[in-house]
C-alpha atoms as a PDB file:
ATOM      1  CA  MET A   1      97.162 132.153  88.428  1.00  0.00           C
ATOM      2  CA  TYR A   2      97.301 131.358  92.036  1.00  0.00           C
ATOM      3  CA  GLU A   3      94.689 132.798  94.257  1.00  0.00           C
ATOM      4  CA  THR A   4      94.385 133.330  98.318  1.00  0.00           C
ATOM      5  CA  GLY A   5      91.621 131.941  99.318  1.00  0.00           C
ATOM      6  CA  ALA A   6      90.109 133.130 103.372  1.00  0.00           C
ATOM      7  CA  ASP A   7      92.083 130.487 105.213  1.00  0.00           C
ATOM      8  CA  HIS A   8      95.825 132.435 103.564  1.00  0.00           C
ATOM      9  CA  ARG A   9      96.331 128.843 101.725  1.00  0.00           C
ATOM     10  CA  ARG A  10      97.391 129.146  97.939  1.00  0.00           C
ATOM     11  CA  LYS A  11      95.425 126.878  95.141  1.00  0.00           C
ATOM     12  CA  MET A  12      96.312 127.201  91.417  1.00  0.00           C
ATOM     13  CA  VAL A  13      93.499 128.008  89.093  1.00  0.00           C
ATOM     14  CA  VAL A  14      95.139 125.819  86.236  1.00  0.00           C
ATOM     15  CA  ARG A  15      92.782 127.433  82.687  1.00  0.00           C
ATOM     16  CA  ASN A  16      93.043 126.233  79.213  1.00  0.00           C
ATOM     17  CA  VAL A  17      94.951 122.798  79.150  1.00  0.00           C
ATOM     18  CA  ALA A  18      93.675 119.894  77.451  1.00  0.00           C
ATOM     19  CA  ALA A  19      94.695 115.979  77.752  1.00  0.00           C
ATOM     20  CA  VAL A  20      97.161 115.480  75.095  1.00  0.00           C
ATOM     21  CA  GLU A  21      97.620 111.204  73.847  1.00  0.00           C
ATOM     22  CA  PRO A  22     100.850 110.663  72.988  1.00  0.00           C
ATOM     23  CA  GLU A  23      99.472 108.907  69.552  1.00  0.00           C
ATOM     24  CA  TRP A  24      97.911 112.150  68.332  1.00  0.00           C
ATOM     25  CA  LEU A  25     102.074 114.215  68.472  1.00  0.00           C
ATOM     26  CA  PRO A  26     103.087 111.949  65.344  1.00  0.00           C
ATOM     27  CA  VAL A  27      99.555 112.903  63.303  1.00  0.00           C
ATOM     28  CA  TYR A  28      99.025 116.033  64.478  1.00  0.00           C
ATOM     29  CA  VAL A  29     102.774 117.827  65.244  1.00  0.00           C
ATOM     30  CA  PRO A  30     104.511 115.301  62.741  1.00  0.00           C
ATOM     31  CA  GLN A  31     108.062 117.902  62.552  1.00  0.00           C
ATOM     32  CA  LEU A  32     108.166 117.833  65.983  1.00  0.00           C
ATOM     33  CA  CYS A  33     108.797 113.889  66.826  1.00  0.00           C
ATOM     34  CA  SER A  34     111.248 112.485  64.777  1.00  0.00           C
ATOM     35  CA  LEU A  35     110.140 108.096  63.891  1.00  0.00           C
ATOM     36  CA  GLY A  36     112.799 106.745  62.268  1.00  0.00           C
ATOM     37  CA  ASP A  37     112.149 103.629  60.478  1.00  0.00           C
ATOM     38  CA  PRO A  38     108.190 101.327  60.908  1.00  0.00           C
ATOM     39  CA  LEU A  39     108.876  98.780  63.150  1.00  0.00           C
ATOM     40  CA  SER A  40     109.010  95.249  61.914  1.00  0.00           C
ATOM     41  CA  ASP A  41     107.453  93.443  65.178  1.00  0.00           C
ATOM     42  CA  PRO A  42     105.062  94.457  65.188  1.00  0.00           C
ATOM     43  CA  GLU A  43     104.254  93.580  61.129  1.00  0.00           C
ATOM     44  CA  PRO A  44     101.998  96.139  59.202  1.00  0.00           C
ATOM     45  CA  ARG A  45      98.933  95.686  59.514  1.00  0.00           C
ATOM     46  CA  TYR A  46      95.492  96.694  56.909  1.00  0.00           C
ATOM     47  CA  ASP A  47      93.227  98.480  59.168  1.00  0.00           C
ATOM     48  CA  GLU A  48      89.286  97.159  56.831  1.00  0.00           C
ATOM     49  CA  ARG A  49      87.820 100.375  59.027  1.00  0.00           C
ATOM     50  CA  SER A  50      89.870 103.364  56.992  1.00  0.00           C
ATOM     51  CA  GLY A  51      90.983 100.968  54.747  1.00  0.00           C
ATOM     52  CA  ARG A  52      94.554 101.963  55.268  1.00  0.00           C
ATOM     53  CA  VAL A  53      97.559 100.209  55.721  1.00  0.00           C
ATOM     54  CA  ARG A  54      99.107 100.307  59.679  1.00  0.00           C
ATOM     55  CA  CYS A  55     102.415 100.088  61.301  1.00  0.00           C
ATOM     56  CA  HIS A  56     104.088 101.166  64.698  1.00  0.00           C
ATOM     57  CA  PHE A  57     106.741 103.300  65.550  1.00  0.00           C
ATOM     58  CA  LYS A  58     108.720 104.072  68.430  1.00  0.00           C
ATOM     59  CA  GLY A  59     110.297 107.799  68.431  1.00  0.00           C
ATOM     60  CA  THR A  60     110.846 110.797  70.240  1.00  0.00           C
ATOM     61  CA  PHE A  61     108.680 114.029  71.022  1.00  0.00           C
ATOM     62  CA  GLY A  62     109.943 117.591  70.559  1.00  0.00           C
ATOM     63  CA  LYS A  63     114.102 119.500  71.699  1.00  0.00           C
ATOM     64  CA  ALA A  64     114.103 117.707  74.533  1.00  0.00           C
ATOM     65  CA  ALA A  65     113.474 114.124  72.943  1.00  0.00           C
ATOM     66  CA  TRP A  66     110.445 112.966  75.369  1.00  0.00           C
ATOM     67  CA  GLU A  67     110.549 109.605  73.814  1.00  0.00           C
ATOM     68  CA  LEU A  68     106.768 108.122  72.892  1.00  0.00           C
ATOM     69  CA  PRO A  69     105.012 105.031  73.907  1.00  0.00           C
ATOM     70  CA  LEU A  70     104.787 102.593  70.821  1.00  0.00           C
ATOM     71  CA  VAL A  71     102.383 104.273  68.467  1.00  0.00           C
ATOM     72  CA  GLU A  72     100.435 102.996  65.334  1.00  0.00           C
ATOM     73  CA  ILE A  73      99.971 105.764  62.195  1.00  0.00           C
ATOM     74  CA  ASP A  74      99.115 105.394  58.451  1.00  0.00           C
ATOM     75  CA  TYR A  75     102.202 103.767  57.011  1.00  0.00           C
ATOM     76  CA  PRO A  76     103.943 106.801  55.477  1.00  0.00           C
ATOM     77  CA  ASP A  77     103.734 107.757  52.140  1.00  0.00           C
ATOM     78  CA  ARG A  78     107.112 105.144  50.927  1.00  0.00           C
ATOM     79  CA  VAL A  79     107.418 103.076  48.183  1.00  0.00           C
ATOM     80  CA  GLU A  80     107.228  99.946  51.190  1.00  0.00           C
ATOM     81  CA  ARG A  81     103.576 100.961  51.769  1.00  0.00           C
ATOM     82  CA  TYR A  82     102.622 100.288  48.269  1.00  0.00           C
ATOM     83  CA  LYS A  83     104.340  96.642  48.891  1.00  0.00           C
ATOM     84  CA  TRP A  84     102.203  96.349  52.038  1.00  0.00           C
ATOM     85  CA  PHE A  85      99.453  97.235  50.329  1.00  0.00           C
ATOM     86  CA  ALA A  86      99.948  95.034  47.223  1.00  0.00           C
ATOM     87  CA  ARG A  87     100.540  92.216  49.932  1.00  0.00           C
ATOM     88  CA  PHE A  88      97.141  92.666  51.377  1.00  0.00           C
ATOM     89  CA  LEU A  89      95.207  93.172  48.005  1.00  0.00           C
ATOM     90  CA  LEU A  90      96.747  90.076  47.088  1.00  0.00           C
ATOM     91  CA  GLN A  91      95.046  88.141  50.572  1.00  0.00           C
ATOM     92  CA  GLY A  92      91.814  89.625  49.450  1.00  0.00           C
ATOM     93  CA  ALA A  93      91.910  92.109  52.710  1.00  0.00           C
ATOM     94  CA  VAL A  94      91.689  94.971  51.060  1.00  0.00           C
ATOM     95  CA  PHE A  95      88.466  93.334  48.288  1.00  0.00           C
ATOM     96  CA  PRO A  96      87.117  90.229  49.824  1.00  0.00           C
ATOM     97  CA  LYS A  97      86.649  88.868  45.857  1.00  0.00           C
ATOM     98  CA  LEU A  98      89.908  88.886  45.425  1.00  0.00           C
ATOM     99  CA  LYS A  99      89.825  86.253  48.839  1.00  0.00           C
ATOM    100  CA  LYS A 100      88.575  83.173  46.578  1.00  0.00           C
ATOM    101  CA  TYR A 101      92.061  83.694  44.738  1.00  0.00           C
ATOM    102  CA  ALA A 102      94.168  83.563  47.710  1.00  0.00           C
ATOM    103  CA  SER A 103      94.746  80.239  48.271  1.00  0.00           C
ATOM    104  CA  SER A 104      95.565  79.488  44.144  1.00  0.00           C
ATOM    105  CA  LEU A 105      97.712  82.615  43.748  1.00  0.00           C
ATOM    106  CA  LEU A 106     101.713  81.621  41.656  1.00  0.00           C
ATOM    107  CA  SER A 107     103.433  82.942  44.314  1.00  0.00           C
ATOM    108  CA  PRO A 108     102.144  84.308  48.126  1.00  0.00           C
ATOM    109  CA  PRO A 109     101.414  87.826  49.049  1.00  0.00           C
ATOM    110  CA  SER A 110     104.469  88.006  51.370  1.00  0.00           C
ATOM    111  CA  THR A 111     106.327  87.747  48.772  1.00  0.00           C
ATOM    112  CA  MET A 112     105.506  91.129  47.921  1.00  0.00           C
ATOM    113  CA  ILE A 113     108.020  92.815  51.106  1.00  0.00           C
ATOM    114  CA  LYS A 114     110.783  90.177  50.794  1.00  0.00           C
ATOM    115  CA  SER A 115     113.769  91.641  49.696  1.00  0.00           C
ATOM    116  CA  TRP A 116     114.576  88.922  46.691  1.00  0.00           C
ATOM    117  CA  ALA A 117     110.921  90.244  44.983  1.00  0.00           C
ATOM    118  CA  LYS A 118     112.615  91.659  42.275  1.00  0.00           C
ATOM    119  CA  LEU A 119     113.240  88.799  41.093  1.00  0.00           C
ATOM    120  CA  GLN A 120     110.170  88.030  41.048  1.00  0.00           C
ATOM    121  CA  PRO A 121     108.581  90.230  37.577  1.00  0.00           C
ATOM    122  CA  ARG A 122     105.001  90.044  38.689  1.00  0.00           C
ATOM    123  CA  THR A 123     105.929  91.401  42.343  1.00  0.00           C
ATOM    124  CA  GLU A 124     107.957  95.053  40.249  1.00  0.00           C
ATOM    125  CA  VAL A 125     104.820  94.650  37.416  1.00  0.00           C
ATOM    126  CA  LEU A 126     102.070  95.451  40.293  1.00  0.00           C
ATOM    127  CA  LEU A 127     103.918  98.143  42.233  1.00  0.00           C
ATOM    128  CA  ARG A 128     104.980  99.653  39.758  1.00  0.00           C
ATOM    129  CA  ALA A 129     101.280 100.254  38.544  1.00  0.00           C
ATOM    130  CA  LEU A 130     100.544 100.961  42.623  1.00  0.00           C
ATOM    131  CA  VAL A 131     103.290 103.205  42.894  1.00  0.00           C
ATOM    132  CA  SER A 132     102.629 105.141  39.369  1.00  0.00           C
ATOM    133  CA  GLU A 133      98.884 105.955  40.976  1.00  0.00           C
ATOM    134  CA  ARG A 134      99.539 106.542  43.537  1.00  0.00           C
ATOM    135  CA  CYS A 135      97.067 103.767  45.119  1.00  0.00           C
ATOM    136  CA  GLY A 136      98.625 102.366  48.155  1.00  0.00           C
ATOM    137  CA  THR A 137      95.177 103.355  50.202  1.00  0.00           C
ATOM    138  CA  ARG A 138      91.454 101.325  49.432  1.00  0.00           C
ATOM    139  CA  GLU A 139      89.966 104.362  48.781  1.00  0.00           C
ATOM    140  CA  GLN A 140      92.723 105.569  46.599  1.00  0.00           C
ATOM    141  CA  LEU A 141      92.125 102.417  44.317  1.00  0.00           C
ATOM    142  CA  ARG A 142      88.379 102.797  44.206  1.00  0.00           C
ATOM    143  CA  ASN A 143      89.033 106.662  42.589  1.00  0.00           C
ATOM    144  CA  VAL A 144      91.208 105.375  39.692  1.00  0.00           C
ATOM    145  CA  TRP A 145      88.445 102.817  39.332  1.00  0.00           C
ATOM    146  CA  GLU A 146      85.880 104.782  38.702  1.00  0.00           C
ATOM    147  CA  GLU A 147      88.464 106.799  36.102  1.00  0.00           C
ATOM    148  CA  LYS A 148      90.409 102.956  34.751  1.00  0.00           C
ATOM    149  CA  SER A 149      87.796 100.088  35.367  1.00  0.00           C
ATOM    150  CA  LYS A 150      90.169  97.524  34.244  1.00  0.00           C
ATOM    151  CA  TYR A 151      93.389  99.380  35.899  1.00  0.00           C
ATOM    152  CA  LEU A 152      95.640  96.657  37.427  1.00  0.00           C
ATOM    153  CA  LEU A 153      93.737  93.741  36.091  1.00  0.00           C
ATOM    154  CA  GLU A 154      96.932  93.164  33.279  1.00  0.00           C
ATOM    155  CA  GLU A 155      99.101  92.999  36.521  1.00  0.00           C
ATOM    156  CA  TYR A 156      96.735  91.131  39.247  1.00  0.00           C
ATOM    157  CA  LEU A 157      96.722  88.104  35.968  1.00  0.00           C
ATOM    158  CA  GLN A 158      99.839  87.674  36.268  1.00  0.00           C
ATOM    159  CA  TRP A 159      99.261  86.519  40.046  1.00  0.00           C
ATOM    160  CA  VAL A 160      96.404  84.274  39.081  1.00  0.00           C
ATOM    161  CA  PRO A 161      96.271  80.685  36.718  1.00  0.00           C
ATOM    162  CA  GLU A 162      95.302  80.962  33.100  1.00  0.00           C
ATOM    163  CA  SER A 163      92.384  79.087  34.428  1.00  0.00           C
ATOM    164  CA  ALA A 164      91.088  81.773  36.590  1.00  0.00           C
ATOM    165  CA  HIS A 165      91.668  84.791  33.848  1.00  0.00           C
ATOM    166  CA  ASN A 166      88.000  85.176  31.977  1.00  0.00           C
ATOM    167  CA  ASP A 167      86.878  84.434  35.645  1.00  0.00           C
ATOM    168  CA  VAL A 168      88.808  87.631  36.905  1.00  0.00           C
ATOM    169  CA  THR A 169      88.146  89.414  33.580  1.00  0.00           C
ATOM    170  CA  LEU A 170      84.372  88.892  34.303  1.00  0.00           C
ATOM    171  CA  TYR A 171      84.330  90.504  37.133  1.00  0.00           C
ATOM    172  CA  TRP A 172      86.721  93.430  37.349  1.00  0.00           C
ATOM    173  CA  PRO A 173      87.454  95.345  38.829  1.00  0.00           C
ATOM    174  CA  PRO A 174      86.383  93.331  42.107  1.00  0.00           C
ATOM    175  CA  LEU A 175      84.604  96.387  43.925  1.00  0.00           C
END
């Protein structure tokens, strides 16, 4: 809308306008964004505050395909999210009580995200268990433990030396 002032100059009056941060678009209007696959650089990370796996995307917005800056959002609900969550769980990032076992694991946690991970049965067993209960966040895992306190115990024991089995079992779940 234009208003004419006393000195006959025009000025524009803008109403009902809000600033929009580009990183909000994939979160609040994902149907208008095209993001592709999560970037491998930077790698996904575990956000201790939210208890979620976060990853970066480069993409576009709208029919005009406006380029979005690099955005970090929660990892989408894909099998890769569970692989990354398992890696962070094994590292002790999700539940600090597991950190003491991280240095003695029978395979490095990074094995979970390798292309050849299926060759090690312990990776598949852990991944299958997480996917079956849709545990890809700290909160989801806590919720399952409220109902099934021994959930993931057998799968986790496959990662630690036999000498640690009694200790792990005694303090499970590691909340």
